[in-house]
Amino acid sequence: MAHTVSDFMTSHPTVVEVTDTLRSVAQTMATQDLGSLVVAENGSVVGIVTDRDLVVRGLAEGIGLDAPVGQLATGRLVTVRPGDDVAEVVQLMRDKAVRRVPVLDGDQAVGIVSLGDLAVALDSDSALADISAAPPND
């Protein structure tokens, strides 16, 4: 039996609006211990932002903490649906060189699936699975 994205995704991803400030997005990431957030405009998913985006494309470029997150969100968004075959999603992530993919039902985020999630579930003996399953650093 083929597995679907819904078997491995993290449900109820944290979604921020394109107008939310980098400061508030960073605070959300810190308090929820997350490395990425889904970005929406008027409730419809339009991007994703990672902690790396905040540092490399934000702070390093001199963008202020009061700038809107939409300024840094990844625009070339790759998305999947809950019923998509996980093997196809793995290939899509490989082809597009992405580590996290929002899972959409219509234009609403219902989950997020990461390379780490898939490694833990599908290749539990891999180094990536070990790293992904480890507790976060304090």
N, C-alpha and C. Protein backbone atom coordinates (compact mmCIF):
# COMPACT_ATOMS: atom_id res chain seq x y z
N MET A 1 0.84 -1.19 0.00
CA MET A 1 0.00 0.00 0.00
C MET A 1 0.89 1.25 0.00
N ALA A 2 0.64 2.14 -0.91
CA ALA A 2 1.42 3.37 -1.02
C ALA A 2 1.06 4.32 0.12
N HIS A 3 2.08 5.00 0.60
CA HIS A 3 1.86 6.00 1.65
C HIS A 3 1.56 7.34 1.01
N THR A 4 0.76 8.13 1.72
CA THR A 4 0.45 9.47 1.25
C THR A 4 1.10 10.50 2.17
N VAL A 5 1.12 11.72 1.70
CA VAL A 5 1.71 12.83 2.46
C VAL A 5 1.06 12.93 3.84
N SER A 6 -0.24 12.71 3.92
CA SER A 6 -0.93 12.84 5.21
C SER A 6 -0.40 11.87 6.26
N ASP A 7 0.24 10.77 5.82
CA ASP A 7 0.83 9.81 6.76
C ASP A 7 2.04 10.38 7.48
N PHE A 8 2.70 11.38 6.90
CA PHE A 8 3.98 11.86 7.42
C PHE A 8 4.03 13.35 7.74
N MET A 9 3.03 14.10 7.33
CA MET A 9 3.08 15.55 7.52
C MET A 9 2.84 15.92 8.97
N THR A 10 3.31 17.10 9.32
CA THR A 10 2.97 17.71 10.59
C THR A 10 1.71 18.52 10.33
N SER A 11 0.64 18.18 11.03
CA SER A 11 -0.64 18.87 10.84
C SER A 11 -0.62 20.23 11.51
N HIS A 12 -1.53 21.08 11.08
CA HIS A 12 -1.74 22.40 11.67
C HIS A 12 -0.47 23.24 11.73
N PRO A 13 0.14 23.51 10.57
CA PRO A 13 1.36 24.32 10.57
C PRO A 13 1.05 25.75 11.03
N THR A 14 2.06 26.39 11.58
CA THR A 14 1.90 27.79 11.97
C THR A 14 1.96 28.64 10.70
N VAL A 15 0.96 29.49 10.56
CA VAL A 15 0.83 30.35 9.38
C VAL A 15 0.91 31.80 9.83
N VAL A 16 1.72 32.59 9.12
CA VAL A 16 1.82 34.02 9.38
C VAL A 16 1.38 34.77 8.12
N GLU A 17 0.99 36.00 8.29
CA GLU A 17 0.57 36.83 7.15
C GLU A 17 1.76 37.57 6.56
N VAL A 18 1.70 37.85 5.27
CA VAL A 18 2.79 38.55 4.57
C VAL A 18 3.12 39.89 5.22
N THR A 19 2.17 40.47 5.93
CA THR A 19 2.37 41.77 6.55
C THR A 19 2.97 41.69 7.95
N ASP A 20 3.07 40.49 8.53
CA ASP A 20 3.68 40.34 9.85
C ASP A 20 5.15 40.75 9.78
N THR A 21 5.64 41.37 10.84
CA THR A 21 7.02 41.85 10.85
C THR A 21 8.00 40.70 11.05
N LEU A 22 9.23 40.93 10.60
CA LEU A 22 10.28 39.94 10.82
C LEU A 22 10.46 39.68 12.31
N ARG A 23 10.33 40.72 13.12
CA ARG A 23 10.46 40.56 14.56
C ARG A 23 9.41 39.59 15.10
N SER A 24 8.15 39.78 14.72
CA SER A 24 7.10 38.91 15.24
C SER A 24 7.25 37.48 14.71
N VAL A 25 7.69 37.35 13.47
CA VAL A 25 7.92 36.02 12.90
C VAL A 25 9.06 35.31 13.64
N ALA A 26 10.13 36.02 13.91
CA ALA A 26 11.26 35.44 14.64
C ALA A 26 10.83 35.04 16.05
N GLN A 27 10.02 35.87 16.69
CA GLN A 27 9.53 35.55 18.03
C GLN A 27 8.64 34.31 18.00
N THR A 28 7.80 34.20 16.97
CA THR A 28 6.96 33.01 16.82
C THR A 28 7.82 31.77 16.66
N MET A 29 8.84 31.86 15.81
CA MET A 29 9.74 30.72 15.62
C MET A 29 10.41 30.34 16.94
N ALA A 30 10.84 31.33 17.71
CA ALA A 30 11.53 31.06 18.97
C ALA A 30 10.59 30.43 19.99
N THR A 31 9.41 30.98 20.16
CA THR A 31 8.50 30.46 21.19
C THR A 31 7.93 29.09 20.82
N GLN A 32 7.77 28.83 19.53
CA GLN A 32 7.22 27.54 19.11
C GLN A 32 8.30 26.53 18.71
N ASP A 33 9.57 26.95 18.81
CA ASP A 33 10.71 26.10 18.46
C ASP A 33 10.56 25.54 17.04
N LEU A 34 10.33 26.45 16.09
CA LEU A 34 10.15 26.09 14.69
C LEU A 34 11.23 26.73 13.83
N GLY A 35 11.58 26.07 12.74
CA GLY A 35 12.56 26.60 11.82
C GLY A 35 11.96 27.15 10.55
N SER A 36 10.64 26.95 10.39
CA SER A 36 9.98 27.49 9.19
C SER A 36 8.51 27.74 9.50
N LEU A 37 7.97 28.71 8.77
CA LEU A 37 6.56 29.07 8.90
C LEU A 37 5.97 29.23 7.52
N VAL A 38 4.73 28.89 7.39
CA VAL A 38 4.00 29.10 6.15
C VAL A 38 3.55 30.56 6.12
N VAL A 39 3.65 31.19 4.95
CA VAL A 39 3.28 32.60 4.80
C VAL A 39 2.03 32.68 3.92
N ALA A 40 1.05 33.44 4.38
CA ALA A 40 -0.21 33.58 3.66
C ALA A 40 -0.52 35.05 3.41
N GLU A 41 -1.36 35.26 2.41
CA GLU A 41 -1.88 36.60 2.14
C GLU A 41 -3.39 36.49 2.13
N ASN A 42 -4.02 37.16 3.10
CA ASN A 42 -5.47 37.07 3.27
C ASN A 42 -5.92 35.62 3.41
N GLY A 43 -5.13 34.81 4.11
CA GLY A 43 -5.48 33.43 4.37
C GLY A 43 -5.04 32.41 3.34
N SER A 44 -4.64 32.86 2.16
CA SER A 44 -4.19 31.95 1.10
C SER A 44 -2.67 31.82 1.12
N VAL A 45 -2.18 30.60 1.10
CA VAL A 45 -0.74 30.36 1.19
C VAL A 45 -0.04 30.91 -0.05
N VAL A 46 1.03 31.69 0.21
CA VAL A 46 1.81 32.29 -0.87
C VAL A 46 3.30 32.03 -0.76
N GLY A 47 3.74 31.48 0.38
CA GLY A 47 5.17 31.26 0.54
C GLY A 47 5.51 30.52 1.81
N ILE A 48 6.80 30.45 2.05
CA ILE A 48 7.34 29.85 3.26
C ILE A 48 8.55 30.69 3.65
N VAL A 49 8.81 30.79 4.94
CA VAL A 49 9.98 31.52 5.42
C VAL A 49 10.68 30.64 6.46
N THR A 50 12.00 30.62 6.39
CA THR A 50 12.79 29.81 7.32
C THR A 50 13.65 30.71 8.20
N ASP A 51 14.17 30.11 9.26
CA ASP A 51 15.08 30.86 10.12
C ASP A 51 16.30 31.31 9.33
N ARG A 52 16.73 30.50 8.39
CA ARG A 52 17.87 30.86 7.52
C ARG A 52 17.53 32.08 6.66
N ASP A 53 16.30 32.14 6.14
CA ASP A 53 15.87 33.31 5.37
C ASP A 53 15.99 34.58 6.22
N LEU A 54 15.57 34.48 7.47
CA LEU A 54 15.63 35.66 8.35
C LEU A 54 17.05 36.16 8.51
N VAL A 55 17.98 35.22 8.63
CA VAL A 55 19.37 35.60 8.86
C VAL A 55 20.06 36.02 7.56
N VAL A 56 20.02 35.14 6.56
CA VAL A 56 20.81 35.36 5.34
C VAL A 56 20.19 36.42 4.43
N ARG A 57 18.89 36.36 4.24
CA ARG A 57 18.25 37.32 3.33
C ARG A 57 17.69 38.53 4.05
N GLY A 58 17.66 38.49 5.38
CA GLY A 58 17.14 39.60 6.16
C GLY A 58 18.24 40.36 6.87
N LEU A 59 18.69 39.83 7.99
CA LEU A 59 19.70 40.52 8.80
C LEU A 59 20.98 40.81 8.03
N ALA A 60 21.49 39.83 7.32
CA ALA A 60 22.75 40.02 6.59
C ALA A 60 22.64 41.08 5.50
N GLU A 61 21.44 41.28 4.98
CA GLU A 61 21.23 42.29 3.94
C GLU A 61 20.78 43.63 4.52
N GLY A 62 20.71 43.72 5.84
CA GLY A 62 20.36 44.98 6.48
C GLY A 62 18.87 45.29 6.49
N ILE A 63 18.05 44.30 6.27
CA ILE A 63 16.60 44.52 6.32
C ILE A 63 16.19 44.60 7.79
N GLY A 64 15.44 45.61 8.14
CA GLY A 64 15.07 45.86 9.53
C GLY A 64 14.03 44.89 10.07
N LEU A 65 13.98 44.82 11.38
CA LEU A 65 13.06 43.90 12.05
C LEU A 65 11.60 44.26 11.87
N ASP A 66 11.33 45.47 11.46
CA ASP A 66 9.94 45.89 11.26
C ASP A 66 9.48 45.71 9.82
N ALA A 67 10.34 45.15 8.96
CA ALA A 67 9.96 44.87 7.57
C ALA A 67 8.95 43.72 7.54
N PRO A 68 8.08 43.70 6.55
CA PRO A 68 7.11 42.60 6.44
C PRO A 68 7.79 41.31 5.98
N VAL A 69 7.34 40.21 6.53
CA VAL A 69 7.92 38.91 6.20
C VAL A 69 7.73 38.57 4.72
N GLY A 70 6.71 39.12 4.11
CA GLY A 70 6.50 38.88 2.68
C GLY A 70 7.68 39.28 1.84
N GLN A 71 8.50 40.17 2.36
CA GLN A 71 9.70 40.63 1.66
C GLN A 71 10.75 39.52 1.56
N LEU A 72 10.72 38.57 2.49
CA LEU A 72 11.71 37.50 2.52
C LEU A 72 11.16 36.13 2.16
N ALA A 73 9.86 35.98 2.16
CA ALA A 73 9.26 34.67 1.93
C ALA A 73 9.65 34.13 0.57
N THR A 74 9.85 32.83 0.52
CA THR A 74 10.17 32.16 -0.73
C THR A 74 8.98 32.27 -1.66
N GLY A 75 9.18 32.82 -2.82
CA GLY A 75 8.09 33.03 -3.76
C GLY A 75 7.83 31.85 -4.67
N ARG A 76 8.86 31.08 -4.98
CA ARG A 76 8.70 29.92 -5.86
C ARG A 76 8.24 28.74 -5.02
N LEU A 77 7.02 28.81 -4.57
CA LEU A 77 6.52 27.84 -3.61
C LEU A 77 6.20 26.51 -4.27
N VAL A 78 6.69 25.44 -3.66
CA VAL A 78 6.37 24.07 -4.05
C VAL A 78 5.39 23.56 -3.01
N THR A 79 4.25 23.07 -3.44
CA THR A 79 3.25 22.56 -2.50
C THR A 79 2.79 21.18 -2.94
N VAL A 80 2.19 20.47 -1.99
CA VAL A 80 1.60 19.16 -2.27
C VAL A 80 0.24 19.09 -1.61
N ARG A 81 -0.49 18.02 -1.91
CA ARG A 81 -1.81 17.78 -1.31
C ARG A 81 -1.70 16.60 -0.34
N PRO A 82 -2.59 16.52 0.64
CA PRO A 82 -2.52 15.43 1.63
C PRO A 82 -2.55 14.04 1.00
N GLY A 83 -3.26 13.86 -0.09
CA GLY A 83 -3.39 12.54 -0.71
C GLY A 83 -2.31 12.19 -1.70
N ASP A 84 -1.34 13.08 -1.91
CA ASP A 84 -0.26 12.80 -2.86
C ASP A 84 0.60 11.64 -2.37
N ASP A 85 1.07 10.84 -3.30
CA ASP A 85 1.94 9.71 -2.99
C ASP A 85 3.27 10.22 -2.46
N VAL A 86 3.72 9.67 -1.35
CA VAL A 86 4.93 10.18 -0.70
C VAL A 86 6.17 9.95 -1.56
N ALA A 87 6.21 8.88 -2.34
CA ALA A 87 7.37 8.66 -3.21
C ALA A 87 7.49 9.76 -4.25
N GLU A 88 6.35 10.23 -4.76
CA GLU A 88 6.36 11.32 -5.73
C GLU A 88 6.80 12.63 -5.05
N VAL A 89 6.42 12.81 -3.80
CA VAL A 89 6.81 14.01 -3.07
C VAL A 89 8.32 14.01 -2.82
N VAL A 90 8.87 12.86 -2.47
CA VAL A 90 10.31 12.75 -2.28
C VAL A 90 11.02 13.15 -3.57
N GLN A 91 10.55 12.66 -4.70
CA GLN A 91 11.17 13.00 -5.98
C GLN A 91 11.01 14.49 -6.28
N LEU A 92 9.85 15.05 -5.98
CA LEU A 92 9.61 16.48 -6.19
C LEU A 92 10.57 17.32 -5.34
N MET A 93 10.76 16.93 -4.09
CA MET A 93 11.68 17.65 -3.21
C MET A 93 13.10 17.56 -3.74
N ARG A 94 13.46 16.40 -4.25
CA ARG A 94 14.80 16.22 -4.82
C ARG A 94 14.95 17.09 -6.07
N ASP A 95 13.98 17.04 -6.96
CA ASP A 95 14.04 17.80 -8.21
C ASP A 95 14.09 19.31 -7.98
N LYS A 96 13.33 19.78 -7.00
CA LYS A 96 13.23 21.22 -6.73
C LYS A 96 14.23 21.69 -5.67
N ALA A 97 14.97 20.74 -5.08
CA ALA A 97 15.96 21.04 -4.04
C ALA A 97 15.35 21.83 -2.89
N VAL A 98 14.23 21.32 -2.35
CA VAL A 98 13.57 21.93 -1.19
C VAL A 98 13.55 20.95 -0.04
N ARG A 99 13.58 21.49 1.16
CA ARG A 99 13.61 20.66 2.37
C ARG A 99 12.28 20.60 3.09
N ARG A 100 11.41 21.58 2.81
CA ARG A 100 10.10 21.65 3.46
C ARG A 100 9.06 22.01 2.43
N VAL A 101 7.91 21.35 2.52
CA VAL A 101 6.84 21.60 1.55
C VAL A 101 5.52 21.76 2.29
N PRO A 102 4.84 22.90 2.11
CA PRO A 102 3.50 23.05 2.68
C PRO A 102 2.52 22.07 2.02
N VAL A 103 1.62 21.56 2.83
CA VAL A 103 0.58 20.65 2.35
C VAL A 103 -0.71 21.46 2.33
N LEU A 104 -1.31 21.56 1.14
CA LEU A 104 -2.49 22.41 0.98
C LEU A 104 -3.73 21.61 0.65
N ASP A 105 -4.85 22.10 1.18
CA ASP A 105 -6.17 21.65 0.78
C ASP A 105 -6.81 22.89 0.18
N GLY A 106 -6.87 22.94 -1.14
CA GLY A 106 -7.24 24.18 -1.83
C GLY A 106 -6.09 25.15 -1.68
N ASP A 107 -6.36 26.32 -1.10
CA ASP A 107 -5.27 27.28 -0.87
C ASP A 107 -4.97 27.44 0.62
N GLN A 108 -5.49 26.51 1.44
CA GLN A 108 -5.29 26.55 2.88
C GLN A 108 -4.25 25.52 3.32
N ALA A 109 -3.35 25.93 4.21
CA ALA A 109 -2.33 25.02 4.73
C ALA A 109 -2.96 24.08 5.76
N VAL A 110 -2.79 22.79 5.52
CA VAL A 110 -3.28 21.78 6.47
C VAL A 110 -2.13 21.00 7.09
N GLY A 111 -0.90 21.24 6.57
CA GLY A 111 0.25 20.54 7.10
C GLY A 111 1.52 21.04 6.46
N ILE A 112 2.61 20.46 6.90
CA ILE A 112 3.91 20.70 6.28
C ILE A 112 4.69 19.40 6.39
N VAL A 113 5.41 19.07 5.35
CA VAL A 113 6.22 17.86 5.36
C VAL A 113 7.66 18.26 5.08
N SER A 114 8.56 17.71 5.87
CA SER A 114 9.97 18.06 5.72
C SER A 114 10.78 16.84 5.32
N LEU A 115 11.94 17.13 4.79
CA LEU A 115 12.88 16.07 4.44
C LEU A 115 13.19 15.23 5.68
N GLY A 116 13.33 15.89 6.82
CA GLY A 116 13.59 15.19 8.07
C GLY A 116 12.45 14.26 8.46
N ASP A 117 11.20 14.73 8.31
CA ASP A 117 10.04 13.88 8.60
C ASP A 117 10.10 12.60 7.78
N LEU A 118 10.39 12.76 6.50
CA LEU A 118 10.42 11.62 5.59
C LEU A 118 11.58 10.69 5.90
N ALA A 119 12.72 11.26 6.26
CA ALA A 119 13.89 10.43 6.59
C ALA A 119 13.60 9.58 7.82
N VAL A 120 13.01 10.18 8.85
CA VAL A 120 12.71 9.44 10.08
C VAL A 120 11.75 8.30 9.78
N ALA A 121 10.73 8.57 8.96
CA ALA A 121 9.71 7.57 8.68
C ALA A 121 10.14 6.50 7.67
N LEU A 122 10.91 6.91 6.67
CA LEU A 122 11.20 6.00 5.56
C LEU A 122 12.61 5.43 5.55
N ASP A 123 13.53 6.08 6.25
CA ASP A 123 14.93 5.63 6.25
C ASP A 123 15.52 5.85 7.64
N SER A 124 14.95 5.17 8.62
CA SER A 124 15.27 5.43 10.02
C SER A 124 16.73 5.17 10.39
N ASP A 125 17.47 4.44 9.55
CA ASP A 125 18.88 4.18 9.82
C ASP A 125 19.82 5.24 9.25
N SER A 126 19.28 6.22 8.56
CA SER A 126 20.13 7.23 7.93
C SER A 126 20.60 8.27 8.94
N ALA A 127 21.69 8.92 8.60
CA ALA A 127 22.22 10.00 9.45
C ALA A 127 21.20 11.12 9.56
N LEU A 128 20.52 11.45 8.46
CA LEU A 128 19.52 12.52 8.49
C LEU A 128 18.39 12.17 9.45
N ALA A 129 17.97 10.92 9.47
CA ALA A 129 16.92 10.50 10.40
C ALA A 129 17.39 10.65 11.84
N ASP A 130 18.62 10.25 12.11
CA ASP A 130 19.16 10.39 13.47
C ASP A 130 19.18 11.84 13.91
N ILE A 131 19.65 12.71 13.03
CA ILE A 131 19.72 14.13 13.34
C ILE A 131 18.31 14.71 13.53
N SER A 132 17.40 14.35 12.63
CA SER A 132 16.04 14.89 12.67
C SER A 132 15.27 14.42 13.90
N ALA A 133 15.56 13.21 14.37
CA ALA A 133 14.85 12.66 15.52
C ALA A 133 15.44 13.12 16.86
N ALA A 134 16.64 13.68 16.84
CA ALA A 134 17.30 14.11 18.06
C ALA A 134 16.60 15.32 18.67
N PRO A 135 16.65 15.46 19.99
CA PRO A 135 16.05 16.65 20.61
C PRO A 135 16.82 17.90 20.19
N PRO A 136 16.15 19.05 20.15
CA PRO A 136 16.84 20.28 19.73
C PRO A 136 17.90 20.69 20.73
N ASN A 137 18.89 21.42 20.23
CA ASN A 137 19.94 21.97 21.09
C ASN A 137 19.35 23.09 21.94
N ASP A 138 19.85 23.21 23.13
CA ASP A 138 19.39 24.31 24.00
C ASP A 138 20.35 25.45 23.98
